[in-house]
Amino acid sequence: MNANELLKLISKQWCNLSDLMLLLGCGRNKALDIKRDIKNKLVSEGYYIPGNNLPMQAVVDALKIDIDRLEKIKSLNK
């Protein structure tokens, strides 16, 4: 996945399991484990998470994705 594809993916409001699998480059079981960890952290902080999706910003923060660096890579590839 290149920087453009990654930026497009993380620009979504909500992250579903398929998105998380793409971001992590892993299978369903590992993505479910990480999703559960992120959701538990958010719930313990007092957030309510409706449905099966996670806020993309929480996923970006948990995975420590550097958006500024991705933007720079995107501009260099033009």
PDB file of N, CA and C in Angstrom:
ATOM      1  N   MET A   1       0.850  -1.157   0.000  1.00  0.00           N
ATOM      2  CA  MET A   1       0.000   0.000   0.000  1.00  0.00           C
ATOM      3  C   MET A   1       0.905   1.233   0.000  1.00  0.00           C
ATOM      4  N   ASN A   2       0.673   2.138  -0.939  1.00  0.00           N
ATOM      5  CA  ASN A   2       1.496   3.347  -0.992  1.00  0.00           C
ATOM      6  C   ASN A   2       0.884   4.453  -0.146  1.00  0.00           C
ATOM      7  N   ALA A   3       1.583   5.581  -0.089  1.00  0.00           N
ATOM      8  CA  ALA A   3       1.156   6.686   0.778  1.00  0.00           C
ATOM      9  C   ALA A   3      -0.209   7.225   0.368  1.00  0.00           C
ATOM     10  N   ASN A   4      -0.470   7.321  -0.939  1.00  0.00           N
ATOM     11  CA  ASN A   4      -1.759   7.836  -1.401  1.00  0.00           C
ATOM     12  C   ASN A   4      -2.901   6.940  -0.954  1.00  0.00           C
ATOM     13  N   GLU A   5      -2.727   5.637  -1.114  1.00  0.00           N
ATOM     14  CA  GLU A   5      -3.770   4.687  -0.715  1.00  0.00           C
ATOM     15  C   GLU A   5      -3.984   4.718   0.795  1.00  0.00           C
ATOM     16  N   LEU A   6      -2.899   4.822   1.534  1.00  0.00           N
ATOM     17  CA  LEU A   6      -3.000   4.865   2.993  1.00  0.00           C
ATOM     18  C   LEU A   6      -3.718   6.128   3.464  1.00  0.00           C
ATOM     19  N   LEU A   7      -3.385   7.257   2.864  1.00  0.00           N
ATOM     20  CA  LEU A   7      -4.059   8.510   3.226  1.00  0.00           C
ATOM     21  C   LEU A   7      -5.539   8.456   2.875  1.00  0.00           C
ATOM     22  N   LYS A   8      -5.861   7.869   1.751  1.00  0.00           N
ATOM     23  CA  LYS A   8      -7.264   7.740   1.369  1.00  0.00           C
ATOM     24  C   LYS A   8      -8.015   6.864   2.372  1.00  0.00           C
ATOM     25  N   LEU A   9      -7.372   5.789   2.804  1.00  0.00           N
ATOM     26  CA  LEU A   9      -8.002   4.874   3.751  1.00  0.00           C
ATOM     27  C   LEU A   9      -8.226   5.539   5.106  1.00  0.00           C
ATOM     28  N   ILE A  10      -7.240   6.264   5.600  1.00  0.00           N
ATOM     29  CA  ILE A  10      -7.383   6.867   6.926  1.00  0.00           C
ATOM     30  C   ILE A  10      -8.197   8.155   6.901  1.00  0.00           C
ATOM     31  N   SER A  11      -8.617   8.595   5.728  1.00  0.00           N
ATOM     32  CA  SER A  11      -9.461   9.785   5.653  1.00  0.00           C
ATOM     33  C   SER A  11     -10.926   9.469   5.955  1.00  0.00           C
ATOM     34  N   LYS A  12     -11.248   8.182   6.103  1.00  0.00           N
ATOM     35  CA  LYS A  12     -12.607   7.788   6.444  1.00  0.00           C
ATOM     36  C   LYS A  12     -12.917   8.160   7.892  1.00  0.00           C
ATOM     37  N   GLN A  13     -14.192   8.344   8.176  1.00  0.00           N
ATOM     38  CA  GLN A  13     -14.623   8.683   9.538  1.00  0.00           C
ATOM     39  C   GLN A  13     -14.528   7.466  10.473  1.00  0.00           C
ATOM     40  N   TRP A  14     -14.937   6.305   9.977  1.00  0.00           N
ATOM     41  CA  TRP A  14     -14.983   5.095  10.791  1.00  0.00           C
ATOM     42  C   TRP A  14     -14.095   4.019  10.187  1.00  0.00           C
ATOM     43  N   CYS A  15     -13.545   3.189  11.030  1.00  0.00           N
ATOM     44  CA  CYS A  15     -12.668   2.098  10.607  1.00  0.00           C
ATOM     45  C   CYS A  15     -13.372   0.776  10.879  1.00  0.00           C
ATOM     46  N   ASN A  16     -13.610   0.006   9.822  1.00  0.00           N
ATOM     47  CA  ASN A  16     -14.205  -1.312  10.008  1.00  0.00           C
ATOM     48  C   ASN A  16     -13.091  -2.363  10.062  1.00  0.00           C
ATOM     49  N   LEU A  17     -13.452  -3.594  10.214  1.00  0.00           N
ATOM     50  CA  LEU A  17     -12.461  -4.649  10.375  1.00  0.00           C
ATOM     51  C   LEU A  17     -11.617  -4.813   9.117  1.00  0.00           C
ATOM     52  N   SER A  18     -12.211  -4.697   7.947  1.00  0.00           N
ATOM     53  CA  SER A  18     -11.458  -4.814   6.693  1.00  0.00           C
ATOM     54  C   SER A  18     -10.412  -3.706   6.580  1.00  0.00           C
ATOM     55  N   ASP A  19     -10.795  -2.492   6.957  1.00  0.00           N
ATOM     56  CA  ASP A  19      -9.848  -1.378   6.937  1.00  0.00           C
ATOM     57  C   ASP A  19      -8.690  -1.637   7.889  1.00  0.00           C
ATOM     58  N   LEU A  20      -9.004  -2.131   9.058  1.00  0.00           N
ATOM     59  CA  LEU A  20      -7.975  -2.410  10.053  1.00  0.00           C
ATOM     60  C   LEU A  20      -7.028  -3.499   9.565  1.00  0.00           C
ATOM     61  N   MET A  21      -7.562  -4.505   8.906  1.00  0.00           N
ATOM     62  CA  MET A  21      -6.723  -5.563   8.353  1.00  0.00           C
ATOM     63  C   MET A  21      -5.767  -4.995   7.299  1.00  0.00           C
ATOM     64  N   LEU A  22      -6.245  -4.062   6.480  1.00  0.00           N
ATOM     65  CA  LEU A  22      -5.383  -3.435   5.481  1.00  0.00           C
ATOM     66  C   LEU A  22      -4.301  -2.581   6.135  1.00  0.00           C
ATOM     67  N   LEU A  23      -4.691  -1.808   7.143  1.00  0.00           N
ATOM     68  CA  LEU A  23      -3.719  -0.958   7.829  1.00  0.00           C
ATOM     69  C   LEU A  23      -2.626  -1.766   8.514  1.00  0.00           C
ATOM     70  N   LEU A  24      -3.026  -2.863   9.126  1.00  0.00           N
ATOM     71  CA  LEU A  24      -2.074  -3.685   9.868  1.00  0.00           C
ATOM     72  C   LEU A  24      -1.319  -4.670   8.994  1.00  0.00           C
ATOM     73  N   GLY A  25      -1.908  -5.008   7.862  1.00  0.00           N
ATOM     74  CA  GLY A  25      -1.297  -6.027   7.012  1.00  0.00           C
ATOM     75  C   GLY A  25      -1.338  -7.384   7.675  1.00  0.00           C
ATOM     76  N   CYS A  26      -2.445  -7.679   8.324  1.00  0.00           N
ATOM     77  CA  CYS A  26      -2.563  -8.935   9.052  1.00  0.00           C
ATOM     78  C   CYS A  26      -3.899  -9.593   8.745  1.00  0.00           C
ATOM     79  N   GLY A  27      -4.121 -10.721   9.376  1.00  0.00           N
ATOM     80  CA  GLY A  27      -5.356 -11.459   9.184  1.00  0.00           C
ATOM     81  C   GLY A  27      -6.458 -11.019  10.124  1.00  0.00           C
ATOM     82  N   ARG A  28      -7.574 -11.697   9.986  1.00  0.00           N
ATOM     83  CA  ARG A  28      -8.784 -11.342  10.721  1.00  0.00           C
ATOM     84  C   ARG A  28      -8.613 -11.479  12.240  1.00  0.00           C
ATOM     85  N   ASN A  29      -8.030 -12.573  12.695  1.00  0.00           N
ATOM     86  CA  ASN A  29      -7.915 -12.809  14.143  1.00  0.00           C
ATOM     87  C   ASN A  29      -7.048 -11.759  14.832  1.00  0.00           C
ATOM     88  N   LYS A  30      -5.910 -11.422  14.243  1.00  0.00           N
ATOM     89  CA  LYS A  30      -5.029 -10.414  14.837  1.00  0.00           C
ATOM     90  C   LYS A  30      -5.710  -9.042  14.825  1.00  0.00           C
ATOM     91  N   ALA A  31      -6.420  -8.730  13.720  1.00  0.00           N
ATOM     92  CA  ALA A  31      -7.137  -7.454  13.635  1.00  0.00           C
ATOM     93  C   ALA A  31      -8.240  -7.377  14.686  1.00  0.00           C
ATOM     94  N   LEU A  32      -8.923  -8.486  14.930  1.00  0.00           N
ATOM     95  CA  LEU A  32      -9.959  -8.509  15.967  1.00  0.00           C
ATOM     96  C   LEU A  32      -9.372  -8.259  17.351  1.00  0.00           C
ATOM     97  N   ASP A  33      -8.196  -8.833  17.621  1.00  0.00           N
ATOM     98  CA  ASP A  33      -7.525  -8.606  18.909  1.00  0.00           C
ATOM     99  C   ASP A  33      -7.187  -7.132  19.101  1.00  0.00           C
ATOM    100  N   ILE A  34      -6.625  -6.523  18.075  1.00  0.00           N
ATOM    101  CA  ILE A  34      -6.226  -5.118  18.170  1.00  0.00           C
ATOM    102  C   ILE A  34      -7.457  -4.220  18.246  1.00  0.00           C
ATOM    103  N   LYS A  35      -8.502  -4.560  17.494  1.00  0.00           N
ATOM    104  CA  LYS A  35      -9.753  -3.797  17.538  1.00  0.00           C
ATOM    105  C   LYS A  35     -10.336  -3.833  18.947  1.00  0.00           C
ATOM    106  N   ARG A  36     -10.325  -5.001  19.558  1.00  0.00           N
ATOM    107  CA  ARG A  36     -10.843  -5.147  20.920  1.00  0.00           C
ATOM    108  C   ARG A  36     -10.024  -4.299  21.896  1.00  0.00           C
ATOM    109  N   ASP A  37      -8.698  -4.291  21.730  1.00  0.00           N
ATOM    110  CA  ASP A  37      -7.844  -3.485  22.612  1.00  0.00           C
ATOM    111  C   ASP A  37      -8.147  -1.999  22.477  1.00  0.00           C
ATOM    112  N   ILE A  38      -8.286  -1.538  21.234  1.00  0.00           N
ATOM    113  CA  ILE A  38      -8.576  -0.122  21.006  1.00  0.00           C
ATOM    114  C   ILE A  38      -9.949   0.239  21.574  1.00  0.00           C
ATOM    115  N   LYS A  39     -10.926  -0.624  21.320  1.00  0.00           N
ATOM    116  CA  LYS A  39     -12.281  -0.357  21.812  1.00  0.00           C
ATOM    117  C   LYS A  39     -12.320  -0.341  23.339  1.00  0.00           C
ATOM    118  N   ASN A  40     -11.649  -1.301  23.976  1.00  0.00           N
ATOM    119  CA  ASN A  40     -11.613  -1.334  25.443  1.00  0.00           C
ATOM    120  C   ASN A  40     -10.962  -0.076  26.015  1.00  0.00           C
ATOM    121  N   LYS A  41      -9.916   0.405  25.368  1.00  0.00           N
ATOM    122  CA  LYS A  41      -9.244   1.625  25.822  1.00  0.00           C
ATOM    123  C   LYS A  41     -10.194   2.817  25.733  1.00  0.00           C
ATOM    124  N   LEU A  42     -10.910   2.924  24.616  1.00  0.00           N
ATOM    125  CA  LEU A  42     -11.840   4.040  24.440  1.00  0.00           C
ATOM    126  C   LEU A  42     -12.977   3.972  25.457  1.00  0.00           C
ATOM    127  N   VAL A  43     -13.516   2.784  25.683  1.00  0.00           N
ATOM    128  CA  VAL A  43     -14.613   2.620  26.643  1.00  0.00           C
ATOM    129  C   VAL A  43     -14.131   2.959  28.057  1.00  0.00           C
ATOM    130  N   SER A  44     -12.909   2.558  28.400  1.00  0.00           N
ATOM    131  CA  SER A  44     -12.387   2.867  29.729  1.00  0.00           C
ATOM    132  C   SER A  44     -12.155   4.364  29.922  1.00  0.00           C
ATOM    133  N   GLU A  45     -11.968   5.092  28.801  1.00  0.00           N
ATOM    134  CA  GLU A  45     -11.813   6.540  28.861  1.00  0.00           C
ATOM    135  C   GLU A  45     -13.155   7.258  28.878  1.00  0.00           C
ATOM    136  N   GLY A  46     -14.243   6.494  28.809  1.00  0.00           N
ATOM    137  CA  GLY A  46     -15.569   7.087  28.908  1.00  0.00           C
ATOM    138  C   GLY A  46     -16.285   7.314  27.588  1.00  0.00           C
ATOM    139  N   TYR A  47     -15.726   6.837  26.498  1.00  0.00           N
ATOM    140  CA  TYR A  47     -16.364   6.998  25.196  1.00  0.00           C
ATOM    141  C   TYR A  47     -17.362   5.874  24.952  1.00  0.00           C
ATOM    142  N   TYR A  48     -18.405   6.193  24.212  1.00  0.00           N
ATOM    143  CA  TYR A  48     -19.378   5.194  23.782  1.00  0.00           C
ATOM    144  C   TYR A  48     -19.096   4.891  22.314  1.00  0.00           C
ATOM    145  N   ILE A  49     -18.915   3.641  21.997  1.00  0.00           N
ATOM    146  CA  ILE A  49     -18.610   3.224  20.626  1.00  0.00           C
ATOM    147  C   ILE A  49     -19.817   2.472  20.078  1.00  0.00           C
ATOM    148  N   PRO A  50     -20.581   3.102  19.183  1.00  0.00           N
ATOM    149  CA  PRO A  50     -21.756   2.433  18.614  1.00  0.00           C
ATOM    150  C   PRO A  50     -21.346   1.447  17.528  1.00  0.00           C
ATOM    151  N   GLY A  51     -22.022   0.325  17.468  1.00  0.00           N
ATOM    152  CA  GLY A  51     -21.789  -0.638  16.386  1.00  0.00           C
ATOM    153  C   GLY A  51     -20.437  -1.315  16.452  1.00  0.00           C
ATOM    154  N   ASN A  52     -20.002  -1.805  15.312  1.00  0.00           N
ATOM    155  CA  ASN A  52     -18.765  -2.579  15.237  1.00  0.00           C
ATOM    156  C   ASN A  52     -17.571  -1.782  14.743  1.00  0.00           C
ATOM    157  N   ASN A  53     -17.757  -0.528  14.389  1.00  0.00           N
ATOM    158  CA  ASN A  53     -16.669   0.268  13.843  1.00  0.00           C
ATOM    159  C   ASN A  53     -16.004   1.104  14.920  1.00  0.00           C
ATOM    160  N   LEU A  54     -14.758   1.487  14.647  1.00  0.00           N
ATOM    161  CA  LEU A  54     -14.004   2.347  15.546  1.00  0.00           C
ATOM    162  C   LEU A  54     -13.783   3.697  14.880  1.00  0.00           C
ATOM    163  N   PRO A  55     -13.665   4.761  15.657  1.00  0.00           N
ATOM    164  CA  PRO A  55     -13.304   6.047  15.049  1.00  0.00           C
ATOM    165  C   PRO A  55     -11.906   5.936  14.425  1.00  0.00           C
ATOM    166  N   MET A  56     -11.771   6.384  13.191  1.00  0.00           N
ATOM    167  CA  MET A  56     -10.491   6.258  12.494  1.00  0.00           C
ATOM    168  C   MET A  56      -9.389   7.010  13.224  1.00  0.00           C
ATOM    169  N   GLN A  57      -9.721   8.151  13.841  1.00  0.00           N
ATOM    170  CA  GLN A  57      -8.708   8.909  14.556  1.00  0.00           C
ATOM    171  C   GLN A  57      -8.123   8.094  15.716  1.00  0.00           C
ATOM    172  N   ALA A  58      -8.952   7.318  16.395  1.00  0.00           N
ATOM    173  CA  ALA A  58      -8.465   6.470  17.487  1.00  0.00           C
ATOM    174  C   ALA A  58      -7.534   5.392  16.958  1.00  0.00           C
ATOM    175  N   VAL A  59      -7.865   4.855  15.792  1.00  0.00           N
ATOM    176  CA  VAL A  59      -7.019   3.824  15.173  1.00  0.00           C
ATOM    177  C   VAL A  59      -5.684   4.433  14.752  1.00  0.00           C
ATOM    178  N   VAL A  60      -5.725   5.605  14.131  1.00  0.00           N
ATOM    179  CA  VAL A  60      -4.491   6.284  13.709  1.00  0.00           C
ATOM    180  C   VAL A  60      -3.614   6.573  14.926  1.00  0.00           C
ATOM    181  N   ASP A  61      -4.224   7.035  15.998  1.00  0.00           N
ATOM    182  CA  ASP A  61      -3.466   7.316  17.220  1.00  0.00           C
ATOM    183  C   ASP A  61      -2.878   6.041  17.822  1.00  0.00           C
ATOM    184  N   ALA A  62      -3.666   4.975  17.864  1.00  0.00           N
ATOM    185  CA  ALA A  62      -3.202   3.721  18.462  1.00  0.00           C
ATOM    186  C   ALA A  62      -2.069   3.099  17.652  1.00  0.00           C
ATOM    187  N   LEU A  63      -2.153   3.214  16.327  1.00  0.00           N
ATOM    188  CA  LEU A  63      -1.124   2.628  15.463  1.00  0.00           C
ATOM    189  C   LEU A  63       0.042   3.579  15.227  1.00  0.00           C
ATOM    190  N   LYS A  64      -0.078   4.804  15.762  1.00  0.00           N
ATOM    191  CA  LYS A  64       0.973   5.819  15.634  1.00  0.00           C
ATOM    192  C   LYS A  64       1.345   6.064  14.165  1.00  0.00           C
ATOM    193  N   ILE A  65       0.324   6.281  13.350  1.00  0.00           N
ATOM    194  CA  ILE A  65       0.529   6.573  11.930  1.00  0.00           C
ATOM    195  C   ILE A  65       0.877   8.053  11.797  1.00  0.00           C
ATOM    196  N   ASP A  66       2.008   8.346  11.156  1.00  0.00           N
ATOM    197  CA  ASP A  66       2.499   9.712  10.990  1.00  0.00           C
ATOM    198  C   ASP A  66       1.927  10.304   9.700  1.00  0.00           C
ATOM    199  N   ILE A  67       0.862  11.076   9.838  1.00  0.00           N
ATOM    200  CA  ILE A  67       0.168  11.632   8.686  1.00  0.00           C
ATOM    201  C   ILE A  67       1.041  12.670   7.973  1.00  0.00           C
ATOM    202  N   ASP A  68       1.787  13.457   8.722  1.00  0.00           N
ATOM    203  CA  ASP A  68       2.661  14.462   8.101  1.00  0.00           C
ATOM    204  C   ASP A  68       3.699  13.805   7.201  1.00  0.00           C
ATOM    205  N   ARG A  69       4.270  12.721   7.662  1.00  0.00           N
ATOM    206  CA  ARG A  69       5.263  12.001   6.856  1.00  0.00           C
ATOM    207  C   ARG A  69       4.629  11.428   5.601  1.00  0.00           C
ATOM    208  N   LEU A  70       3.419  10.909   5.712  1.00  0.00           N
ATOM    209  CA  LEU A  70       2.724  10.373   4.548  1.00  0.00           C
ATOM    210  C   LEU A  70       2.444  11.473   3.533  1.00  0.00           C
ATOM    211  N   GLU A  71       2.074  12.662   4.013  1.00  0.00           N
ATOM    212  CA  GLU A  71       1.849  13.802   3.123  1.00  0.00           C
ATOM    213  C   GLU A  71       3.124  14.184   2.379  1.00  0.00           C
ATOM    214  N   LYS A  72       4.260  14.170   3.081  1.00  0.00           N
ATOM    215  CA  LYS A  72       5.542  14.486   2.449  1.00  0.00           C
ATOM    216  C   LYS A  72       5.891  13.455   1.387  1.00  0.00           C
ATOM    217  N   ILE A  73       5.687  12.183   1.692  1.00  0.00           N
ATOM    218  CA  ILE A  73       5.963  11.124   0.722  1.00  0.00           C
ATOM    219  C   ILE A  73       5.061  11.267  -0.488  1.00  0.00           C
ATOM    220  N   LYS A  74       3.818  11.605  -0.257  1.00  0.00           N
ATOM    221  CA  LYS A  74       2.870  11.801  -1.347  1.00  0.00           C
ATOM    222  C   LYS A  74       3.320  12.930  -2.262  1.00  0.00           C
ATOM    223  N   SER A  75       3.780  14.037  -1.653  1.00  0.00           N
ATOM    224  CA  SER A  75       4.222  15.179  -2.465  1.00  0.00           C
ATOM    225  C   SER A  75       5.514  14.874  -3.210  1.00  0.00           C
ATOM    226  N   LEU A  76       6.385  14.035  -2.643  1.00  0.00           N
ATOM    227  CA  LEU A  76       7.629  13.663  -3.323  1.00  0.00           C
ATOM    228  C   LEU A  76       7.360  12.747  -4.523  1.00  0.00           C
ATOM    229  N   ASN A  77       6.319  11.967  -4.453  1.00  0.00           N
ATOM    230  CA  ASN A  77       6.019  11.026  -5.532  1.00  0.00           C
ATOM    231  C   ASN A  77       5.325  11.670  -6.719  1.00  0.00           C
ATOM    232  N   LYS A  78       4.948  12.932  -6.583  1.00  0.00           N
ATOM    233  CA  LYS A  78       4.266  13.606  -7.693  1.00  0.00           C
ATOM    234  C   LYS A  78       5.204  13.987  -8.784  1.00  0.00           C
TER     235      LYS A  78
END
